[in-house]
Amino acid sequence: MMTPGPDHPITVEPATRRWRALFAGHVIADSNRALILREASYPPVVYFPREDVAMEYMSRTDRQTHCPYKGDAGYYTLLMDGHFAENAVWTYDDAAPSVGGIAGHLAFYTDQIEVYEVDDAAVNPHHDEEVRAREAEAMPRSEVDEIIQHTDAGDGRSQREHWEPNVSQPDGGVR
């Protein structure tokens, strides 16, 4: 197996956006966990996690190819609504260590299957929740500790004096 280097660079990185694959008018892959492989002067290739691909429309074929940098590729044929794309999907089940991240992922020949970026917020009803969860994970521990110290200690008392209220009580209301 050859190792990527300055004369033939290969990088694999997580996609920063959601990606989809469309065949015969149907979305057959949809992922916000895709990987982008950039190899030398070739166009970038999007690799989808197998779990994010509609595998029920694919049949493994006997076709195999070998890349000296990535390893042995296996192929799938896609059949949907009478449309047929022979050997249009490939995978490296046992990818070379230098590109190990793509192992078990699937890629599509873009002359047969449309692969495109999608604005996650436009198609994912949980986008805002996922963004908030990622931001919460990134919140510095000192901010979290500050918030926790103003909560109930478990015995009905605050661990620290409450903050000054930022709203006023309406006049004439029941108290």
N, C-alpha and C. Protein backbone atom coordinates (compact mmCIF):
# COMPACT_ATOMS: atom_id res chain seq x y z
N MET A 1 0.85 -1.17 0.00
CA MET A 1 0.00 0.00 0.00
C MET A 1 0.90 1.24 0.00
N MET A 2 0.55 2.19 -0.84
CA MET A 2 1.31 3.44 -0.91
C MET A 2 0.77 4.43 0.12
N THR A 3 1.64 5.27 0.61
CA THR A 3 1.27 6.27 1.60
C THR A 3 1.14 7.63 0.93
N PRO A 4 0.03 8.35 1.18
CA PRO A 4 -0.09 9.69 0.62
C PRO A 4 1.05 10.57 1.09
N GLY A 5 1.46 11.50 0.25
CA GLY A 5 2.53 12.41 0.58
C GLY A 5 2.44 13.66 -0.27
N PRO A 6 3.48 14.47 -0.30
CA PRO A 6 3.44 15.73 -1.04
C PRO A 6 3.17 15.53 -2.54
N ASP A 7 3.63 14.40 -3.09
CA ASP A 7 3.41 14.15 -4.52
C ASP A 7 1.99 13.64 -4.81
N HIS A 8 1.31 13.10 -3.80
CA HIS A 8 -0.06 12.60 -3.94
C HIS A 8 -0.77 12.77 -2.59
N PRO A 9 -1.19 14.02 -2.27
CA PRO A 9 -1.82 14.26 -0.96
C PRO A 9 -3.25 13.73 -0.92
N ILE A 10 -3.64 13.20 0.24
CA ILE A 10 -5.01 12.76 0.49
C ILE A 10 -5.38 13.21 1.90
N THR A 11 -6.53 13.86 2.00
CA THR A 11 -7.04 14.24 3.32
C THR A 11 -8.48 13.76 3.44
N VAL A 12 -8.88 13.42 4.65
CA VAL A 12 -10.26 13.06 4.97
C VAL A 12 -10.67 13.94 6.14
N GLU A 13 -11.77 14.66 5.96
CA GLU A 13 -12.23 15.55 7.03
C GLU A 13 -13.76 15.52 7.12
N PRO A 14 -14.30 15.77 8.30
CA PRO A 14 -15.76 15.81 8.44
C PRO A 14 -16.33 16.95 7.61
N ALA A 15 -17.45 16.71 6.96
CA ALA A 15 -18.13 17.76 6.22
C ALA A 15 -18.66 18.80 7.20
N THR A 16 -18.67 20.03 6.79
CA THR A 16 -19.17 21.09 7.67
C THR A 16 -20.65 21.36 7.44
N ARG A 17 -21.23 20.73 6.41
CA ARG A 17 -22.65 20.90 6.11
C ARG A 17 -23.30 19.53 5.92
N ARG A 18 -24.59 19.52 5.83
CA ARG A 18 -25.36 18.30 5.56
C ARG A 18 -25.25 17.99 4.07
N TRP A 19 -25.19 16.70 3.72
CA TRP A 19 -25.10 16.26 2.33
C TRP A 19 -26.20 15.26 2.02
N ARG A 20 -26.64 15.27 0.77
CA ARG A 20 -27.65 14.33 0.29
C ARG A 20 -27.23 13.75 -1.05
N ALA A 21 -27.80 12.58 -1.36
CA ALA A 21 -27.65 11.96 -2.68
C ALA A 21 -29.05 11.71 -3.20
N LEU A 22 -29.27 12.06 -4.47
CA LEU A 22 -30.58 11.96 -5.10
C LEU A 22 -30.50 11.07 -6.32
N PHE A 23 -31.42 10.09 -6.40
CA PHE A 23 -31.47 9.19 -7.55
C PHE A 23 -32.92 8.96 -7.92
N ALA A 24 -33.25 9.12 -9.18
CA ALA A 24 -34.60 8.89 -9.70
C ALA A 24 -35.65 9.67 -8.90
N GLY A 25 -35.29 10.88 -8.49
CA GLY A 25 -36.22 11.73 -7.76
C GLY A 25 -36.37 11.40 -6.29
N HIS A 26 -35.54 10.49 -5.78
CA HIS A 26 -35.62 10.08 -4.37
C HIS A 26 -34.30 10.37 -3.66
N VAL A 27 -34.39 10.86 -2.43
CA VAL A 27 -33.20 11.04 -1.60
C VAL A 27 -32.82 9.66 -1.10
N ILE A 28 -31.64 9.19 -1.50
CA ILE A 28 -31.19 7.86 -1.08
C ILE A 28 -30.11 7.93 0.00
N ALA A 29 -29.61 9.13 0.25
CA ALA A 29 -28.64 9.32 1.34
C ALA A 29 -28.84 10.73 1.89
N ASP A 30 -28.77 10.85 3.20
CA ASP A 30 -28.95 12.13 3.87
C ASP A 30 -28.13 12.08 5.15
N SER A 31 -27.12 12.94 5.25
CA SER A 31 -26.24 12.84 6.41
C SER A 31 -25.65 14.19 6.81
N ASN A 32 -25.59 14.40 8.11
CA ASN A 32 -24.82 15.52 8.63
C ASN A 32 -23.52 14.99 9.26
N ARG A 33 -23.17 13.73 8.88
CA ARG A 33 -21.94 13.09 9.37
C ARG A 33 -21.06 12.62 8.21
N ALA A 34 -21.26 13.21 7.04
CA ALA A 34 -20.48 12.79 5.87
C ALA A 34 -19.01 13.18 6.03
N LEU A 35 -18.17 12.52 5.25
CA LEU A 35 -16.74 12.83 5.21
C LEU A 35 -16.40 13.30 3.80
N ILE A 36 -15.45 14.23 3.71
CA ILE A 36 -14.98 14.72 2.42
C ILE A 36 -13.55 14.24 2.23
N LEU A 37 -13.33 13.49 1.14
CA LEU A 37 -11.99 13.02 0.81
C LEU A 37 -11.46 13.87 -0.34
N ARG A 38 -10.31 14.47 -0.12
CA ARG A 38 -9.63 15.25 -1.17
C ARG A 38 -8.36 14.50 -1.51
N GLU A 39 -8.23 14.17 -2.81
CA GLU A 39 -7.09 13.38 -3.26
C GLU A 39 -6.43 14.05 -4.45
N ALA A 40 -5.19 14.45 -4.26
CA ALA A 40 -4.37 15.06 -5.32
C ALA A 40 -5.20 16.08 -6.10
N SER A 41 -5.24 15.96 -7.42
CA SER A 41 -5.95 16.93 -8.25
C SER A 41 -7.36 16.48 -8.61
N TYR A 42 -7.84 15.37 -8.03
CA TYR A 42 -9.19 14.88 -8.30
C TYR A 42 -10.23 15.75 -7.58
N PRO A 43 -11.46 15.78 -8.09
CA PRO A 43 -12.52 16.51 -7.37
C PRO A 43 -12.77 15.86 -6.01
N PRO A 44 -13.18 16.63 -5.02
CA PRO A 44 -13.50 16.06 -3.70
C PRO A 44 -14.62 15.02 -3.83
N VAL A 45 -14.58 14.02 -2.96
CA VAL A 45 -15.59 12.96 -2.94
C VAL A 45 -16.25 12.95 -1.56
N VAL A 46 -17.59 12.90 -1.57
CA VAL A 46 -18.36 12.83 -0.33
C VAL A 46 -18.61 11.36 0.00
N TYR A 47 -18.23 10.96 1.20
CA TYR A 47 -18.46 9.60 1.69
C TYR A 47 -19.53 9.65 2.78
N PHE A 48 -20.60 8.89 2.58
CA PHE A 48 -21.73 8.85 3.50
C PHE A 48 -21.61 7.65 4.44
N PRO A 49 -21.91 7.82 5.73
CA PRO A 49 -21.97 6.66 6.62
C PRO A 49 -23.06 5.71 6.11
N ARG A 50 -22.78 4.44 6.14
CA ARG A 50 -23.72 3.43 5.63
C ARG A 50 -25.10 3.56 6.30
N GLU A 51 -25.13 3.92 7.58
CA GLU A 51 -26.40 4.05 8.30
C GLU A 51 -27.28 5.17 7.74
N ASP A 52 -26.68 6.10 7.00
CA ASP A 52 -27.43 7.24 6.46
C ASP A 52 -27.80 7.05 4.99
N VAL A 53 -27.66 5.82 4.49
CA VAL A 53 -27.94 5.51 3.09
C VAL A 53 -29.05 4.46 3.03
N ALA A 54 -29.97 4.61 2.06
CA ALA A 54 -31.06 3.65 1.87
C ALA A 54 -30.51 2.41 1.18
N MET A 55 -29.95 1.50 1.94
CA MET A 55 -29.29 0.31 1.42
C MET A 55 -30.27 -0.69 0.79
N GLU A 56 -31.55 -0.58 1.10
CA GLU A 56 -32.52 -1.52 0.56
C GLU A 56 -32.68 -1.44 -0.96
N TYR A 57 -32.17 -0.38 -1.58
CA TYR A 57 -32.25 -0.23 -3.04
C TYR A 57 -30.95 -0.64 -3.72
N MET A 58 -30.01 -1.17 -2.97
CA MET A 58 -28.68 -1.49 -3.52
C MET A 58 -28.39 -2.98 -3.44
N SER A 59 -27.67 -3.43 -4.46
CA SER A 59 -27.22 -4.83 -4.50
C SER A 59 -25.72 -4.83 -4.72
N ARG A 60 -25.01 -5.59 -3.92
CA ARG A 60 -23.56 -5.71 -4.06
C ARG A 60 -23.27 -6.44 -5.37
N THR A 61 -22.27 -5.96 -6.10
CA THR A 61 -21.89 -6.60 -7.36
C THR A 61 -20.54 -7.28 -7.21
N ASP A 62 -20.13 -7.96 -8.26
CA ASP A 62 -18.83 -8.64 -8.26
C ASP A 62 -17.68 -7.69 -8.58
N ARG A 63 -17.99 -6.49 -9.02
CA ARG A 63 -16.94 -5.55 -9.42
C ARG A 63 -16.06 -5.18 -8.22
N GLN A 64 -14.76 -5.17 -8.46
CA GLN A 64 -13.79 -4.72 -7.46
C GLN A 64 -12.70 -3.95 -8.18
N THR A 65 -12.20 -2.93 -7.54
CA THR A 65 -11.05 -2.19 -8.07
C THR A 65 -10.05 -2.02 -6.93
N HIS A 66 -8.85 -1.65 -7.30
CA HIS A 66 -7.80 -1.45 -6.29
C HIS A 66 -7.18 -0.07 -6.47
N CYS A 67 -7.09 0.67 -5.39
CA CYS A 67 -6.38 1.95 -5.36
C CYS A 67 -5.14 1.73 -4.50
N PRO A 68 -3.97 2.08 -5.01
CA PRO A 68 -2.76 1.85 -4.22
C PRO A 68 -2.70 2.68 -2.94
N TYR A 69 -3.54 3.72 -2.85
CA TYR A 69 -3.54 4.57 -1.67
C TYR A 69 -4.68 4.25 -0.69
N LYS A 70 -5.82 3.79 -1.23
CA LYS A 70 -7.00 3.58 -0.38
C LYS A 70 -7.33 2.12 -0.14
N GLY A 71 -6.94 1.24 -1.03
CA GLY A 71 -7.22 -0.18 -0.86
C GLY A 71 -8.17 -0.72 -1.91
N ASP A 72 -8.89 -1.80 -1.55
CA ASP A 72 -9.81 -2.46 -2.47
C ASP A 72 -11.22 -1.92 -2.30
N ALA A 73 -11.82 -1.54 -3.43
CA ALA A 73 -13.19 -1.00 -3.42
C ALA A 73 -14.17 -2.05 -3.91
N GLY A 74 -15.30 -2.13 -3.25
CA GLY A 74 -16.41 -2.96 -3.68
C GLY A 74 -17.51 -2.04 -4.20
N TYR A 75 -18.42 -2.59 -5.01
CA TYR A 75 -19.42 -1.76 -5.68
C TYR A 75 -20.84 -2.26 -5.45
N TYR A 76 -21.78 -1.33 -5.60
CA TYR A 76 -23.21 -1.61 -5.52
C TYR A 76 -23.89 -1.08 -6.77
N THR A 77 -24.93 -1.78 -7.18
CA THR A 77 -25.81 -1.31 -8.24
C THR A 77 -27.09 -0.84 -7.57
N LEU A 78 -27.64 0.22 -8.08
CA LEU A 78 -28.83 0.84 -7.50
C LEU A 78 -30.02 0.62 -8.43
N LEU A 79 -31.14 0.17 -7.88
CA LEU A 79 -32.36 -0.04 -8.64
C LEU A 79 -33.51 0.59 -7.87
N MET A 80 -34.18 1.56 -8.51
CA MET A 80 -35.28 2.24 -7.84
C MET A 80 -36.29 2.71 -8.89
N ASP A 81 -37.54 2.37 -8.68
CA ASP A 81 -38.62 2.79 -9.59
C ASP A 81 -38.30 2.52 -11.05
N GLY A 82 -37.68 1.38 -11.33
CA GLY A 82 -37.36 1.02 -12.70
C GLY A 82 -36.10 1.69 -13.24
N HIS A 83 -35.47 2.55 -12.46
CA HIS A 83 -34.21 3.19 -12.86
C HIS A 83 -33.06 2.37 -12.30
N PHE A 84 -32.03 2.24 -13.12
CA PHE A 84 -30.93 1.33 -12.84
C PHE A 84 -29.61 2.09 -12.96
N ALA A 85 -28.75 2.02 -11.96
CA ALA A 85 -27.42 2.64 -12.01
C ALA A 85 -26.41 1.57 -11.62
N GLU A 86 -25.81 0.95 -12.63
CA GLU A 86 -24.91 -0.18 -12.42
C GLU A 86 -23.56 0.28 -11.87
N ASN A 87 -23.14 -0.34 -10.79
CA ASN A 87 -21.85 -0.04 -10.14
C ASN A 87 -21.66 1.45 -9.89
N ALA A 88 -22.72 2.12 -9.49
CA ALA A 88 -22.69 3.58 -9.29
C ALA A 88 -22.30 3.98 -7.87
N VAL A 89 -22.16 3.00 -6.99
CA VAL A 89 -21.85 3.25 -5.59
C VAL A 89 -20.64 2.41 -5.21
N TRP A 90 -19.68 3.01 -4.51
CA TRP A 90 -18.53 2.22 -4.09
C TRP A 90 -18.22 2.44 -2.61
N THR A 91 -17.48 1.47 -2.08
CA THR A 91 -17.10 1.51 -0.67
C THR A 91 -15.75 0.84 -0.48
N TYR A 92 -15.03 1.30 0.51
CA TYR A 92 -13.79 0.65 0.94
C TYR A 92 -14.10 0.02 2.30
N ASP A 93 -14.45 -1.26 2.28
CA ASP A 93 -14.79 -1.93 3.54
C ASP A 93 -13.60 -2.00 4.48
N ASP A 94 -12.43 -2.16 3.92
CA ASP A 94 -11.20 -2.27 4.71
C ASP A 94 -10.20 -1.26 4.15
N ALA A 95 -10.49 0.02 4.36
CA ALA A 95 -9.66 1.09 3.80
C ALA A 95 -8.26 1.10 4.42
N ALA A 96 -7.32 1.60 3.64
CA ALA A 96 -5.94 1.75 4.12
C ALA A 96 -5.91 2.64 5.36
N PRO A 97 -4.97 2.42 6.27
CA PRO A 97 -4.91 3.21 7.51
C PRO A 97 -4.87 4.72 7.28
N SER A 98 -4.23 5.16 6.20
CA SER A 98 -4.11 6.60 5.96
C SER A 98 -5.45 7.25 5.65
N VAL A 99 -6.45 6.45 5.23
CA VAL A 99 -7.78 6.97 4.94
C VAL A 99 -8.84 6.15 5.68
N GLY A 100 -8.46 5.59 6.80
CA GLY A 100 -9.32 4.67 7.56
C GLY A 100 -10.69 5.21 7.89
N GLY A 101 -10.84 6.51 7.96
CA GLY A 101 -12.13 7.10 8.29
C GLY A 101 -13.23 6.76 7.30
N ILE A 102 -12.86 6.47 6.04
CA ILE A 102 -13.89 6.19 5.04
C ILE A 102 -14.34 4.73 5.03
N ALA A 103 -13.70 3.89 5.83
CA ALA A 103 -14.08 2.47 5.88
C ALA A 103 -15.56 2.35 6.21
N GLY A 104 -16.26 1.56 5.42
CA GLY A 104 -17.68 1.35 5.65
C GLY A 104 -18.57 2.49 5.20
N HIS A 105 -18.00 3.54 4.64
CA HIS A 105 -18.78 4.64 4.09
C HIS A 105 -19.02 4.37 2.60
N LEU A 106 -20.00 5.06 2.02
CA LEU A 106 -20.33 4.89 0.62
C LEU A 106 -20.16 6.20 -0.14
N ALA A 107 -19.71 6.09 -1.39
CA ALA A 107 -19.58 7.24 -2.27
C ALA A 107 -20.33 6.94 -3.57
N PHE A 108 -20.71 7.98 -4.28
CA PHE A 108 -21.54 7.84 -5.47
C PHE A 108 -20.87 8.49 -6.69
N TYR A 109 -21.01 7.84 -7.84
CA TYR A 109 -20.56 8.46 -9.09
C TYR A 109 -21.55 9.57 -9.42
N THR A 110 -21.05 10.79 -9.43
CA THR A 110 -21.93 11.95 -9.58
C THR A 110 -22.47 12.14 -11.00
N ASP A 111 -21.99 11.35 -11.97
CA ASP A 111 -22.59 11.42 -13.29
C ASP A 111 -23.87 10.58 -13.35
N GLN A 112 -24.14 9.78 -12.31
CA GLN A 112 -25.34 8.95 -12.25
C GLN A 112 -26.25 9.31 -11.08
N ILE A 113 -25.66 9.83 -10.02
CA ILE A 113 -26.40 10.15 -8.80
C ILE A 113 -26.00 11.56 -8.38
N GLU A 114 -27.00 12.41 -8.15
CA GLU A 114 -26.71 13.79 -7.75
C GLU A 114 -26.33 13.84 -6.27
N VAL A 115 -25.20 14.44 -5.97
CA VAL A 115 -24.72 14.61 -4.59
C VAL A 115 -24.63 16.11 -4.35
N TYR A 116 -25.29 16.58 -3.29
CA TYR A 116 -25.36 18.03 -3.08
C TYR A 116 -25.41 18.39 -1.60
N GLU A 117 -24.96 19.61 -1.31
CA GLU A 117 -25.01 20.15 0.05
C GLU A 117 -26.41 20.66 0.35
N VAL A 118 -26.78 20.58 1.63
CA VAL A 118 -28.10 21.05 2.07
C VAL A 118 -27.90 21.92 3.29
N ASP A 119 -28.70 22.97 3.39
CA ASP A 119 -28.70 23.79 4.60
C ASP A 119 -29.43 23.01 5.69
N ASP A 120 -28.70 22.54 6.68
CA ASP A 120 -29.26 21.69 7.73
C ASP A 120 -30.46 22.35 8.41
N ALA A 121 -30.38 23.64 8.66
CA ALA A 121 -31.48 24.32 9.35
C ALA A 121 -32.77 24.27 8.54
N ALA A 122 -32.67 24.21 7.21
CA ALA A 122 -33.85 24.19 6.36
C ALA A 122 -34.53 22.82 6.33
N VAL A 123 -33.81 21.74 6.62
CA VAL A 123 -34.39 20.40 6.49
C VAL A 123 -34.44 19.60 7.78
N ASN A 124 -33.76 20.06 8.81
CA ASN A 124 -33.67 19.31 10.06
C ASN A 124 -34.47 20.03 11.14
N PRO A 125 -35.62 19.47 11.55
CA PRO A 125 -36.43 20.15 12.56
C PRO A 125 -35.73 20.24 13.92
N HIS A 126 -34.68 19.46 14.14
CA HIS A 126 -33.94 19.48 15.41
C HIS A 126 -32.64 20.26 15.31
N HIS A 127 -32.45 20.99 14.21
CA HIS A 127 -31.19 21.72 13.99
C HIS A 127 -30.85 22.63 15.16
N ASP A 128 -31.81 23.47 15.57
CA ASP A 128 -31.54 24.43 16.65
C ASP A 128 -31.19 23.72 17.95
N GLU A 129 -31.87 22.60 18.26
CA GLU A 129 -31.57 21.83 19.46
C GLU A 129 -30.15 21.27 19.40
N GLU A 130 -29.76 20.77 18.22
CA GLU A 130 -28.41 20.21 18.07
C GLU A 130 -27.35 21.29 18.21
N VAL A 131 -27.63 22.48 17.65
CA VAL A 131 -26.68 23.59 17.77
C VAL A 131 -26.55 23.99 19.23
N ARG A 132 -27.69 24.11 19.94
CA ARG A 132 -27.64 24.48 21.36
C ARG A 132 -26.88 23.43 22.17
N ALA A 133 -27.10 22.16 21.86
CA ALA A 133 -26.39 21.10 22.58
C ALA A 133 -24.89 21.20 22.34
N ARG A 134 -24.48 21.46 21.09
CA ARG A 134 -23.04 21.61 20.81
C ARG A 134 -22.48 22.83 21.53
N GLU A 135 -23.25 23.93 21.56
CA GLU A 135 -22.79 25.14 22.25
C GLU A 135 -22.69 24.89 23.75
N ALA A 136 -23.65 24.14 24.31
CA ALA A 136 -23.62 23.84 25.74
C ALA A 136 -22.39 23.00 26.08
N GLU A 137 -22.07 22.06 25.19
CA GLU A 137 -20.87 21.24 25.41
C GLU A 137 -19.62 22.09 25.39
N ALA A 138 -19.67 23.17 24.60
CA ALA A 138 -18.50 24.03 24.46
C ALA A 138 -18.45 25.12 25.53
N MET A 139 -19.50 25.25 26.36
CA MET A 139 -19.55 26.30 27.37
C MET A 139 -18.42 26.08 28.39
N PRO A 140 -17.66 27.12 28.65
CA PRO A 140 -16.57 26.97 29.63
C PRO A 140 -17.09 26.53 30.99
N ARG A 141 -16.34 25.67 31.65
CA ARG A 141 -16.74 25.11 32.93
C ARG A 141 -17.00 26.20 33.97
N SER A 142 -16.26 27.30 33.92
CA SER A 142 -16.46 28.36 34.91
C SER A 142 -17.85 28.97 34.78
N GLU A 143 -18.39 29.09 33.57
CA GLU A 143 -19.74 29.62 33.39
C GLU A 143 -20.77 28.63 33.93
N VAL A 144 -20.56 27.37 33.69
CA VAL A 144 -21.47 26.35 34.19
C VAL A 144 -21.46 26.37 35.72
N ASP A 145 -20.28 26.42 36.32
CA ASP A 145 -20.18 26.46 37.79
C ASP A 145 -20.89 27.68 38.35
N GLU A 146 -20.76 28.82 37.70
CA GLU A 146 -21.42 30.05 38.15
C GLU A 146 -22.94 29.87 38.16
N ILE A 147 -23.47 29.26 37.14
CA ILE A 147 -24.92 29.03 37.06
C ILE A 147 -25.35 28.05 38.14
N ILE A 148 -24.63 26.96 38.32
CA ILE A 148 -24.99 25.94 39.30
C ILE A 148 -24.99 26.51 40.71
N GLN A 149 -24.08 27.40 41.02
CA GLN A 149 -24.01 27.95 42.37
C GLN A 149 -25.22 28.80 42.73
N HIS A 150 -26.01 29.20 41.75
CA HIS A 150 -27.21 29.98 42.03
C HIS A 150 -28.45 29.10 42.07
N THR A 151 -28.28 27.80 42.08
CA THR A 151 -29.42 26.89 42.12
C THR A 151 -29.59 26.33 43.53
N ASP A 152 -30.69 25.63 43.71
CA ASP A 152 -31.04 25.01 44.98
C ASP A 152 -29.98 23.98 45.36
N ALA A 153 -29.54 23.99 46.60
CA ALA A 153 -28.52 23.07 47.08
C ALA A 153 -29.11 21.71 47.43
N GLY A 154 -30.43 21.57 47.29
CA GLY A 154 -31.07 20.30 47.62
C GLY A 154 -31.86 20.36 48.91
N ASP A 155 -31.59 21.38 49.72
CA ASP A 155 -32.32 21.51 50.99
C ASP A 155 -33.22 22.74 51.00
N GLY A 156 -33.46 23.31 49.81
CA GLY A 156 -34.34 24.47 49.71
C GLY A 156 -33.60 25.80 49.75
N ARG A 157 -32.32 25.78 50.03
CA ARG A 157 -31.53 27.02 50.07
C ARG A 157 -30.66 27.11 48.82
N SER A 158 -30.43 28.33 48.38
CA SER A 158 -29.51 28.53 47.26
C SER A 158 -28.09 28.35 47.75
N GLN A 159 -27.23 27.95 46.84
CA GLN A 159 -25.82 27.81 47.18
C GLN A 159 -25.14 29.17 47.23
N ARG A 160 -25.75 30.15 46.64
CA ARG A 160 -25.23 31.51 46.62
C ARG A 160 -26.43 32.45 46.53
N GLU A 161 -26.25 33.72 46.92
CA GLU A 161 -27.34 34.70 46.85
C GLU A 161 -27.89 34.74 45.42
N HIS A 162 -29.21 34.88 45.32
CA HIS A 162 -29.84 34.97 44.01
C HIS A 162 -29.41 36.25 43.30
N TRP A 163 -29.47 36.21 42.01
CA TRP A 163 -29.21 37.40 41.21
C TRP A 163 -30.34 38.39 41.42
N GLU A 164 -30.06 39.64 41.14
CA GLU A 164 -31.11 40.66 41.19
C GLU A 164 -32.14 40.35 40.10
N PRO A 165 -33.43 40.50 40.39
CA PRO A 165 -34.44 40.22 39.36
C PRO A 165 -34.27 41.18 38.18
N ASN A 166 -34.56 40.67 36.99
CA ASN A 166 -34.46 41.51 35.81
C ASN A 166 -35.84 41.89 35.26
N VAL A 167 -36.90 41.60 36.03
CA VAL A 167 -38.26 41.99 35.69
C VAL A 167 -38.93 42.55 36.95
N SER A 168 -39.96 43.33 36.76
CA SER A 168 -40.67 43.86 37.93
C SER A 168 -42.03 43.22 38.04
N GLN A 169 -42.57 43.21 39.26
CA GLN A 169 -43.89 42.64 39.53
C GLN A 169 -44.93 43.62 39.01
N PRO A 170 -45.97 43.14 38.30
CA PRO A 170 -47.01 44.06 37.81
C PRO A 170 -47.79 44.65 39.00
N ASP A 171 -48.18 45.91 38.88
CA ASP A 171 -48.95 46.59 39.94
C ASP A 171 -50.36 46.07 39.98
N GLY A 172 -50.93 45.97 41.15
CA GLY A 172 -52.34 45.60 41.33
C GLY A 172 -52.58 44.10 41.18
N GLY A 173 -51.58 43.36 40.97
CA GLY A 173 -51.77 41.91 40.82
C GLY A 173 -51.84 41.22 42.15
N VAL A 174 -52.35 40.02 42.17
CA VAL A 174 -52.41 39.19 43.38
C VAL A 174 -50.99 38.70 43.67
N ARG A 175 -50.61 38.76 44.93
CA ARG A 175 -49.26 38.33 45.30
C ARG A 175 -49.29 37.16 46.18
